[in-house]
Structures are given as structure tokens and as C-alpha cells.
Amino acid sequence: MTVSVTLKRNTKITRLFLGSFVGSISTFIIFIPLNKYLLFFLKIAMGIIMLIVTYSFKNIKYFFQNLLYLYMTSVILAGFLYYLKLEFANLSYLLILTIAPLILYLYIKEQKHLKVIVNYYKKVLITFKNNQNLTLNAFLDSGNKLKDPITGKYIILINKSLIEGIYNIRSPIYVPIKTVNKNSLLECISIKNIQIDNKTYNNYLLGLSDTFKSNDYDCLLNYHLLEDENV
């Protein structure tokens, strides 16, 4: 169920129960006298059978994604439960059954949060008026809603030093902005376009900042990109 929710697999509850039933039967393997290598491969085989029973086989990518998440969730759940068993020797199985869904719920929630964060990091190609290009790692910031009131264009922020040797600033646009402590003017330049995820956006200015700096990204995208249909 954790794999289904995390990967958004529309699977019937009956198939989930069947896959889980196959997994529960596999526990009897430990009573068969086998060497550890054969036992390991049998466990892998049972995991594969569980997935085929639960999700069927559509293609290689689909299957291996399911397999990866099945073992990720299994290791995380087993690790938590093993830790609890070591810390609390008299921990009842009823309590373990109660805690296990909570652990998986927290895991799913964190996975969704991580996906959102990852989706906000983008690779950006900026094309200047002189047809020079600049590729940057960017972050889509919900707090950046800067807009030039004159041209109506939205503003993307980068550190000014990044365009040195690429573009000579001749006719900058100064946009009034409000920071935490004061009002100031942000130096901006017109650009030809920006490309993100193979889409081209035109209605943007490049805001040049001397103070903007991050170790994780070079460019702060405007939140309006989520709504922009000018592609």
C-alpha cells in the first residue's frame, strides 16, 4: 500500500491483499534448510512475484520502480521495528501492528514532500539579446513574485557576477522593490527568452543582484512560472 500511494498506482485492494498474502507465505522459506545465498535469491524472487501479483507487468521501467520502492519501504519499516524491539524488549506484536502503519504514513508524507522540493529545482537556459546563452541551476521560489509595473514583466533573480563576460549592460531597467527593511531599486535587463523543461518563456526580466547568493542554486525563478501559459 505504501508503494501504491507513493507512486500513485491505481491498484485494486484485492490485488494488494493477494500480493501481501504471497509475501506472508514467503516467511515459511526460513524453515527450509538452504544456504544463505540461495535463501537471498529466493527472497528476491518472492519480492518479484509479489509485485507481479499486485501490479502485473507493464514494462521494465514500471517494474523496477515498483521493486525499488518495495525494498526501500521494507528496509525502512524493518529498521524501525527492529530498533523498537531492541529498545523495548517486551514490545507486544499488537503494538508493533499499530506503530507500523504510522511509520509508513510518515514515510509517505516525507516522500511527497521530497518530490515537491525536487520538482522545484530546475535547469534553466537563459538566452540574452545578443544570442549568448547561460545555463544555470535554478529554484522555483514561491516568495519571488517580483514584477515590473511598467512593462508588466516578471523578474527572475541571479547574481550580477554570473553575466560578466557574457552580456554588456547598456540600458538597464530599474524596478522598485520592497525588502524587509527598506525600499530599493533592482537593476534588471531584458532577455530574449528562458527555457525550462523544453518550454520557452518570453515575458520575463533578469534581475541582477549583488547580494543574492546560494550554494544550492544560481537562479531564483519567479513563482508566476507555475501559471504562465506563454510557451
C-alpha atoms as a PDB file:
ATOM      1  CA  MET A   1       0.000   0.000   0.000  1.00  0.00           C
ATOM      2  CA  THR A   2       2.915   2.323   0.739  1.00  0.00           C
ATOM      3  CA  VAL A   3       4.347   1.685  -2.735  1.00  0.00           C
ATOM      4  CA  SER A   4       0.916   2.277  -4.292  1.00  0.00           C
ATOM      5  CA  VAL A   5       0.363   5.585  -2.512  1.00  0.00           C
ATOM      6  CA  THR A   6       3.925   6.840  -3.061  1.00  0.00           C
ATOM      7  CA  LEU A   7       3.999   6.004  -6.783  1.00  0.00           C
ATOM      8  CA  LYS A   8       0.270   6.707  -7.324  1.00  0.00           C
ATOM      9  CA  ARG A   9      -0.521   3.219  -8.558  1.00  0.00           C
ATOM     10  CA  ASN A  10      -4.246   2.680  -9.048  1.00  0.00           C
ATOM     11  CA  THR A  11      -4.380  -0.871  -7.752  1.00  0.00           C
ATOM     12  CA  LYS A  12      -7.428  -2.759  -6.539  1.00  0.00           C
ATOM     13  CA  ILE A  13      -7.458  -3.580  -2.835  1.00  0.00           C
ATOM     14  CA  THR A  14      -7.903  -7.278  -3.692  1.00  0.00           C
ATOM     15  CA  ARG A  15      -4.582  -7.274  -5.579  1.00  0.00           C
ATOM     16  CA  LEU A  16      -2.880  -5.568  -2.612  1.00  0.00           C
ATOM     17  CA  PHE A  17      -4.162  -8.323  -0.317  1.00  0.00           C
ATOM     18  CA  LEU A  18      -3.059 -11.020  -2.766  1.00  0.00           C
ATOM     19  CA  GLY A  19       0.432  -9.527  -3.022  1.00  0.00           C
ATOM     20  CA  SER A  20       0.652  -9.266   0.760  1.00  0.00           C
ATOM     21  CA  PHE A  21      -0.570 -12.865   1.084  1.00  0.00           C
ATOM     22  CA  VAL A  22       2.231 -14.045  -1.211  1.00  0.00           C
ATOM     23  CA  GLY A  23       4.693 -12.094   0.937  1.00  0.00           C
ATOM     24  CA  SER A  24       3.377 -13.658   4.139  1.00  0.00           C
ATOM     25  CA  ILE A  25       3.686 -17.174   2.693  1.00  0.00           C
ATOM     26  CA  SER A  26       7.309 -16.422   1.838  1.00  0.00           C
ATOM     27  CA  THR A  27       8.161 -16.256   5.553  1.00  0.00           C
ATOM     28  CA  PHE A  28       7.993 -20.071   5.627  1.00  0.00           C
ATOM     29  CA  ILE A  29      11.158 -20.112   3.477  1.00  0.00           C
ATOM     30  CA  ILE A  30      13.205 -19.571   6.654  1.00  0.00           C
ATOM     31  CA  PHE A  31      12.219 -23.102   7.823  1.00  0.00           C
ATOM     32  CA  ILE A  32      13.694 -24.687   4.700  1.00  0.00           C
ATOM     33  CA  PRO A  33      17.347 -25.764   5.109  1.00  0.00           C
ATOM     34  CA  LEU A  34      19.010 -23.618   2.457  1.00  0.00           C
ATOM     35  CA  ASN A  35      22.379 -21.880   2.280  1.00  0.00           C
ATOM     36  CA  LYS A  36      22.320 -18.087   2.737  1.00  0.00           C
ATOM     37  CA  TYR A  37      22.962 -17.314  -0.948  1.00  0.00           C
ATOM     38  CA  LEU A  38      20.053 -19.418  -2.206  1.00  0.00           C
ATOM     39  CA  LEU A  39      17.878 -18.007   0.569  1.00  0.00           C
ATOM     40  CA  PHE A  40      18.754 -14.472  -0.538  1.00  0.00           C
ATOM     41  CA  PHE A  41      17.813 -15.159  -4.181  1.00  0.00           C
ATOM     42  CA  LEU A  42      14.586 -16.849  -3.093  1.00  0.00           C
ATOM     43  CA  LYS A  43      13.641 -13.718  -1.137  1.00  0.00           C
ATOM     44  CA  ILE A  44      14.319 -11.566  -4.214  1.00  0.00           C
ATOM     45  CA  ALA A  45      12.213 -13.946  -6.311  1.00  0.00           C
ATOM     46  CA  MET A  46       9.337 -13.733  -3.824  1.00  0.00           C
ATOM     47  CA  GLY A  47       9.508  -9.923  -3.972  1.00  0.00           C
ATOM     48  CA  ILE A  48       9.263 -10.087  -7.777  1.00  0.00           C
ATOM     49  CA  ILE A  49       6.261 -12.442  -7.567  1.00  0.00           C
ATOM     50  CA  MET A  50       4.604 -10.099  -5.029  1.00  0.00           C
ATOM     51  CA  LEU A  51       4.967  -7.171  -7.428  1.00  0.00           C
ATOM     52  CA  ILE A  52       3.677  -9.074 -10.466  1.00  0.00           C
ATOM     53  CA  VAL A  53       0.660 -10.299  -8.477  1.00  0.00           C
ATOM     54  CA  THR A  54      -0.049  -6.790  -7.154  1.00  0.00           C
ATOM     55  CA  TYR A  55       0.746  -4.571 -10.154  1.00  0.00           C
ATOM     56  CA  SER A  56       1.168  -7.020 -13.061  1.00  0.00           C
ATOM     57  CA  PHE A  57       3.999  -6.370 -15.552  1.00  0.00           C
ATOM     58  CA  LYS A  58       3.658  -3.333 -17.859  1.00  0.00           C
ATOM     59  CA  ASN A  59       7.255  -2.544 -18.793  1.00  0.00           C
ATOM     60  CA  ILE A  60      10.786  -2.749 -17.400  1.00  0.00           C
ATOM     61  CA  LYS A  61      10.861   0.832 -16.040  1.00  0.00           C
ATOM     62  CA  TYR A  62       7.480   0.426 -14.305  1.00  0.00           C
ATOM     63  CA  PHE A  63       8.542  -2.885 -12.769  1.00  0.00           C
ATOM     64  CA  PHE A  64      11.938  -1.746 -11.472  1.00  0.00           C
ATOM     65  CA  GLN A  65      10.439   1.416  -9.998  1.00  0.00           C
ATOM     66  CA  ASN A  66       7.974  -0.738  -8.064  1.00  0.00           C
ATOM     67  CA  LEU A  67      10.786  -3.078  -6.993  1.00  0.00           C
ATOM     68  CA  LEU A  68      12.975  -0.216  -5.770  1.00  0.00           C
ATOM     69  CA  TYR A  69      10.211   1.322  -3.665  1.00  0.00           C
ATOM     70  CA  LEU A  70       9.114  -2.062  -2.312  1.00  0.00           C
ATOM     71  CA  TYR A  71      12.578  -2.720  -0.886  1.00  0.00           C
ATOM     72  CA  MET A  72      13.058   0.873   0.255  1.00  0.00           C
ATOM     73  CA  THR A  73       9.861   0.792   2.289  1.00  0.00           C
ATOM     74  CA  SER A  74      10.621  -2.718   3.556  1.00  0.00           C
ATOM     75  CA  VAL A  75      14.076  -1.734   4.795  1.00  0.00           C
ATOM     76  CA  ILE A  76      12.769   1.446   6.442  1.00  0.00           C
ATOM     77  CA  LEU A  77       9.891  -0.349   8.185  1.00  0.00           C
ATOM     78  CA  ALA A  78      12.038  -3.303   9.242  1.00  0.00           C
ATOM     79  CA  GLY A  79      14.726  -0.963  10.573  1.00  0.00           C
ATOM     80  CA  PHE A  80      12.263   0.996  12.691  1.00  0.00           C
ATOM     81  CA  LEU A  81      10.612  -2.127  14.079  1.00  0.00           C
ATOM     82  CA  TYR A  82      13.957  -3.788  14.808  1.00  0.00           C
ATOM     83  CA  TYR A  83      15.084  -0.675  16.671  1.00  0.00           C
ATOM     84  CA  LEU A  84      11.875  -0.610  18.719  1.00  0.00           C
ATOM     85  CA  LYS A  85      12.260  -4.302  19.545  1.00  0.00           C
ATOM     86  CA  LEU A  86      15.836  -3.720  20.769  1.00  0.00           C
ATOM     87  CA  GLU A  87      14.882  -0.691  22.850  1.00  0.00           C
ATOM     88  CA  PHE A  88      11.711  -2.188  24.293  1.00  0.00           C
ATOM     89  CA  ALA A  89      12.246  -5.903  24.826  1.00  0.00           C
ATOM     90  CA  ASN A  90       8.651  -6.528  25.912  1.00  0.00           C
ATOM     91  CA  LEU A  91       7.070  -4.696  22.992  1.00  0.00           C
ATOM     92  CA  SER A  92       3.876  -6.544  22.062  1.00  0.00           C
ATOM     93  CA  TYR A  93       3.080  -7.571  18.492  1.00  0.00           C
ATOM     94  CA  LEU A  94      -0.228  -5.736  18.780  1.00  0.00           C
ATOM     95  CA  LEU A  95       1.650  -2.500  19.462  1.00  0.00           C
ATOM     96  CA  ILE A  96       4.008  -3.219  16.543  1.00  0.00           C
ATOM     97  CA  LEU A  97       0.996  -3.639  14.242  1.00  0.00           C
ATOM     98  CA  THR A  98      -0.292  -0.287  15.493  1.00  0.00           C
ATOM     99  CA  ILE A  99       3.035   1.510  15.054  1.00  0.00           C
ATOM    100  CA  ALA A 100       3.871   0.075  11.608  1.00  0.00           C
ATOM    101  CA  PRO A 101       1.144   1.982   9.685  1.00  0.00           C
ATOM    102  CA  LEU A 102       2.187   5.197  11.447  1.00  0.00           C
ATOM    103  CA  ILE A 103       5.804   4.713  10.352  1.00  0.00           C
ATOM    104  CA  LEU A 104       4.712   4.062   6.762  1.00  0.00           C
ATOM    105  CA  TYR A 105       2.401   7.091   6.833  1.00  0.00           C
ATOM    106  CA  LEU A 106       5.282   9.331   7.939  1.00  0.00           C
ATOM    107  CA  TYR A 107       7.488   7.834   5.226  1.00  0.00           C
ATOM    108  CA  ILE A 108       4.878   8.505   2.517  1.00  0.00           C
ATOM    109  CA  LYS A 109       4.395  12.066   3.760  1.00  0.00           C
ATOM    110  CA  GLU A 110       8.146  12.718   3.666  1.00  0.00           C
ATOM    111  CA  GLN A 111       8.440  11.183   0.189  1.00  0.00           C
ATOM    112  CA  LYS A 112       5.722  13.505  -1.142  1.00  0.00           C
ATOM    113  CA  HIS A 113       7.423  16.491   0.481  1.00  0.00           C
ATOM    114  CA  LEU A 114      10.745  15.464  -1.083  1.00  0.00           C
ATOM    115  CA  LYS A 115       9.130  15.136  -4.522  1.00  0.00           C
ATOM    116  CA  VAL A 116       7.738  18.666  -4.236  1.00  0.00           C
ATOM    117  CA  ILE A 117      11.175  20.034  -3.305  1.00  0.00           C
ATOM    118  CA  VAL A 118      12.894  18.162  -6.134  1.00  0.00           C
ATOM    119  CA  ASN A 119      10.294  19.401  -8.638  1.00  0.00           C
ATOM    120  CA  TYR A 120      11.112  22.984  -7.628  1.00  0.00           C
ATOM    121  CA  TYR A 121      14.735  22.628  -8.725  1.00  0.00           C
ATOM    122  CA  LYS A 122      15.146  23.293 -12.439  1.00  0.00           C
ATOM    123  CA  LYS A 123      17.837  23.520 -15.095  1.00  0.00           C
ATOM    124  CA  VAL A 124      17.446  26.870 -16.891  1.00  0.00           C
ATOM    125  CA  LEU A 125      18.827  28.114 -20.213  1.00  0.00           C
ATOM    126  CA  ILE A 126      18.825  31.927 -20.493  1.00  0.00           C
ATOM    127  CA  THR A 127      19.211  33.463 -23.960  1.00  0.00           C
ATOM    128  CA  PHE A 128      20.300  37.111 -23.984  1.00  0.00           C
ATOM    129  CA  LYS A 129      19.551  39.770 -26.588  1.00  0.00           C
ATOM    130  CA  ASN A 130      22.997  39.195 -28.121  1.00  0.00           C
ATOM    131  CA  ASN A 131      22.093  35.479 -28.543  1.00  0.00           C
ATOM    132  CA  GLN A 132      24.605  34.400 -25.889  1.00  0.00           C
ATOM    133  CA  ASN A 133      23.408  31.575 -23.651  1.00  0.00           C
ATOM    134  CA  LEU A 134      23.814  30.902 -19.947  1.00  0.00           C
ATOM    135  CA  THR A 135      22.834  27.612 -18.276  1.00  0.00           C
ATOM    136  CA  LEU A 136      22.050  27.763 -14.557  1.00  0.00           C
ATOM    137  CA  ASN A 137      20.699  25.632 -11.731  1.00  0.00           C
ATOM    138  CA  ALA A 138      17.519  27.347 -10.564  1.00  0.00           C
ATOM    139  CA  PHE A 139      14.987  27.140  -7.764  1.00  0.00           C
ATOM    140  CA  LEU A 140      11.305  27.982  -8.185  1.00  0.00           C
ATOM    141  CA  ASP A 141      10.639  30.239  -5.205  1.00  0.00           C
ATOM    142  CA  SER A 142       7.065  30.770  -4.014  1.00  0.00           C
ATOM    143  CA  GLY A 143       8.240  34.003  -2.368  1.00  0.00           C
ATOM    144  CA  ASN A 144       9.538  35.572  -5.581  1.00  0.00           C
ATOM    145  CA  LYS A 145       6.581  37.385  -7.142  1.00  0.00           C
ATOM    146  CA  LEU A 146       8.527  40.423  -8.342  1.00  0.00           C
ATOM    147  CA  LYS A 147       7.041  42.238 -11.316  1.00  0.00           C
ATOM    148  CA  ASP A 148       7.958  45.385 -13.235  1.00  0.00           C
ATOM    149  CA  PRO A 149       4.900  47.681 -13.001  1.00  0.00           C
ATOM    150  CA  ILE A 150       5.843  49.443 -16.259  1.00  0.00           C
ATOM    151  CA  THR A 151       6.473  46.557 -18.660  1.00  0.00           C
ATOM    152  CA  GLY A 152       4.326  44.047 -16.778  1.00  0.00           C
ATOM    153  CA  LYS A 153       7.148  41.511 -16.976  1.00  0.00           C
ATOM    154  CA  TYR A 154       8.008  39.168 -14.113  1.00  0.00           C
ATOM    155  CA  ILE A 155      11.519  39.078 -12.656  1.00  0.00           C
ATOM    156  CA  ILE A 156      13.976  36.216 -12.288  1.00  0.00           C
ATOM    157  CA  LEU A 157      16.863  36.838  -9.896  1.00  0.00           C
ATOM    158  CA  ILE A 158      20.523  35.947 -10.411  1.00  0.00           C
ATOM    159  CA  ASN A 159      23.819  37.184  -9.032  1.00  0.00           C
ATOM    160  CA  LYS A 160      25.143  40.011 -11.219  1.00  0.00           C
ATOM    161  CA  SER A 161      28.615  38.464 -11.405  1.00  0.00           C
ATOM    162  CA  LEU A 162      27.249  35.494 -13.407  1.00  0.00           C
ATOM    163  CA  ILE A 163      26.749  37.555 -16.574  1.00  0.00           C
ATOM    164  CA  GLU A 164      30.204  39.117 -16.595  1.00  0.00           C
ATOM    165  CA  GLY A 165      31.852  38.458 -19.952  1.00  0.00           C
ATOM    166  CA  ILE A 166      28.552  37.277 -21.421  1.00  0.00           C
ATOM    167  CA  TYR A 167      26.450  40.416 -21.652  1.00  0.00           C
ATOM    168  CA  ASN A 168      27.275  44.132 -21.547  1.00  0.00           C
ATOM    169  CA  ILE A 169      24.632  46.108 -19.705  1.00  0.00           C
ATOM    170  CA  ARG A 170      23.756  49.232 -21.687  1.00  0.00           C
ATOM    171  CA  SER A 171      20.143  50.133 -20.930  1.00  0.00           C
ATOM    172  CA  PRO A 172      19.155  48.595 -17.583  1.00  0.00           C
ATOM    173  CA  ILE A 173      15.613  48.789 -16.226  1.00  0.00           C
ATOM    174  CA  TYR A 174      15.321  49.843 -12.595  1.00  0.00           C
ATOM    175  CA  VAL A 175      12.363  48.266 -10.807  1.00  0.00           C
ATOM    176  CA  PRO A 176      11.234  49.484  -7.365  1.00  0.00           C
ATOM    177  CA  ILE A 177      11.125  46.625  -4.869  1.00  0.00           C
ATOM    178  CA  LYS A 178      10.305  46.373  -1.190  1.00  0.00           C
ATOM    179  CA  THR A 179      12.654  44.379   1.042  1.00  0.00           C
ATOM    180  CA  VAL A 180      12.250  43.556   4.732  1.00  0.00           C
ATOM    181  CA  ASN A 181      13.807  46.798   5.973  1.00  0.00           C
ATOM    182  CA  LYS A 182      13.599  49.264   3.086  1.00  0.00           C
ATOM    183  CA  ASN A 183      12.529  50.167  -0.442  1.00  0.00           C
ATOM    184  CA  SER A 184      15.144  49.988  -3.176  1.00  0.00           C
ATOM    185  CA  LEU A 185      15.690  49.754  -6.932  1.00  0.00           C
ATOM    186  CA  LEU A 186      16.561  46.446  -8.585  1.00  0.00           C
ATOM    187  CA  GLU A 187      18.679  46.571 -11.730  1.00  0.00           C
ATOM    188  CA  CYS A 188      17.116  44.432 -14.450  1.00  0.00           C
ATOM    189  CA  ILE A 189      17.815  43.647 -18.103  1.00  0.00           C
ATOM    190  CA  SER A 190      15.617  42.393 -20.903  1.00  0.00           C
ATOM    191  CA  ILE A 191      16.383  38.914 -22.201  1.00  0.00           C
ATOM    192  CA  LYS A 192      15.369  37.097 -25.345  1.00  0.00           C
ATOM    193  CA  ASN A 193      13.817  34.131 -23.522  1.00  0.00           C
ATOM    194  CA  ILE A 194      14.381  31.413 -20.951  1.00  0.00           C
ATOM    195  CA  GLN A 195      13.973  27.673 -21.461  1.00  0.00           C
ATOM    196  CA  ILE A 196      12.841  25.339 -18.687  1.00  0.00           C
ATOM    197  CA  ASP A 197      11.877  21.678 -19.224  1.00  0.00           C
ATOM    198  CA  ASN A 198      11.918  22.184 -23.016  1.00  0.00           C
ATOM    199  CA  LYS A 199       9.456  25.088 -22.756  1.00  0.00           C
ATOM    200  CA  THR A 200      10.287  28.634 -23.817  1.00  0.00           C
ATOM    201  CA  TYR A 201       9.138  31.660 -21.793  1.00  0.00           C
ATOM    202  CA  ASN A 202       9.366  35.233 -23.093  1.00  0.00           C
ATOM    203  CA  ASN A 203       7.672  37.618 -20.678  1.00  0.00           C
ATOM    204  CA  TYR A 204      10.491  37.897 -18.110  1.00  0.00           C
ATOM    205  CA  LEU A 205      13.239  40.247 -16.955  1.00  0.00           C
ATOM    206  CA  LEU A 206      16.526  39.233 -15.412  1.00  0.00           C
ATOM    207  CA  GLY A 207      17.043  40.889 -12.035  1.00  0.00           C
ATOM    208  CA  LEU A 208      20.720  41.452 -11.181  1.00  0.00           C
ATOM    209  CA  SER A 209      21.569  41.328  -7.502  1.00  0.00           C
ATOM    210  CA  ASP A 210      24.883  41.872  -5.723  1.00  0.00           C
ATOM    211  CA  THR A 211      23.623  40.169  -2.555  1.00  0.00           C
ATOM    212  CA  PHE A 212      21.807  37.101  -3.914  1.00  0.00           C
ATOM    213  CA  LYS A 213      23.909  34.008  -3.276  1.00  0.00           C
ATOM    214  CA  SER A 214      23.149  30.338  -2.635  1.00  0.00           C
ATOM    215  CA  ASN A 215      25.230  27.159  -2.547  1.00  0.00           C
ATOM    216  CA  ASP A 216      22.331  25.110  -3.952  1.00  0.00           C
ATOM    217  CA  TYR A 217      21.262  27.159  -6.986  1.00  0.00           C
ATOM    218  CA  ASP A 218      22.352  30.102  -9.170  1.00  0.00           C
ATOM    219  CA  CYS A 219      18.973  31.486 -10.143  1.00  0.00           C
ATOM    220  CA  LEU A 220      15.744  32.291  -8.287  1.00  0.00           C
ATOM    221  CA  LEU A 221      12.772  31.711 -10.573  1.00  0.00           C
ATOM    222  CA  ASN A 222       9.538  33.665 -10.334  1.00  0.00           C
ATOM    223  CA  TYR A 223       6.536  31.838  -8.912  1.00  0.00           C
ATOM    224  CA  HIS A 224       4.467  33.076 -11.854  1.00  0.00           C
ATOM    225  CA  LEU A 225       6.129  30.372 -13.938  1.00  0.00           C
ATOM    226  CA  LEU A 226       3.685  27.881 -12.425  1.00  0.00           C
ATOM    227  CA  GLU A 227       0.801  29.788 -14.004  1.00  0.00           C
ATOM    228  CA  ASP A 228       2.496  31.024 -17.178  1.00  0.00           C
ATOM    229  CA  GLU A 229       0.900  29.789 -20.384  1.00  0.00           C
ATOM    230  CA  ASN A 230       3.084  31.873 -22.685  1.00  0.00           C
ATOM    231  CA  VAL A 231       5.093  28.972 -24.080  1.00  0.00           C
END
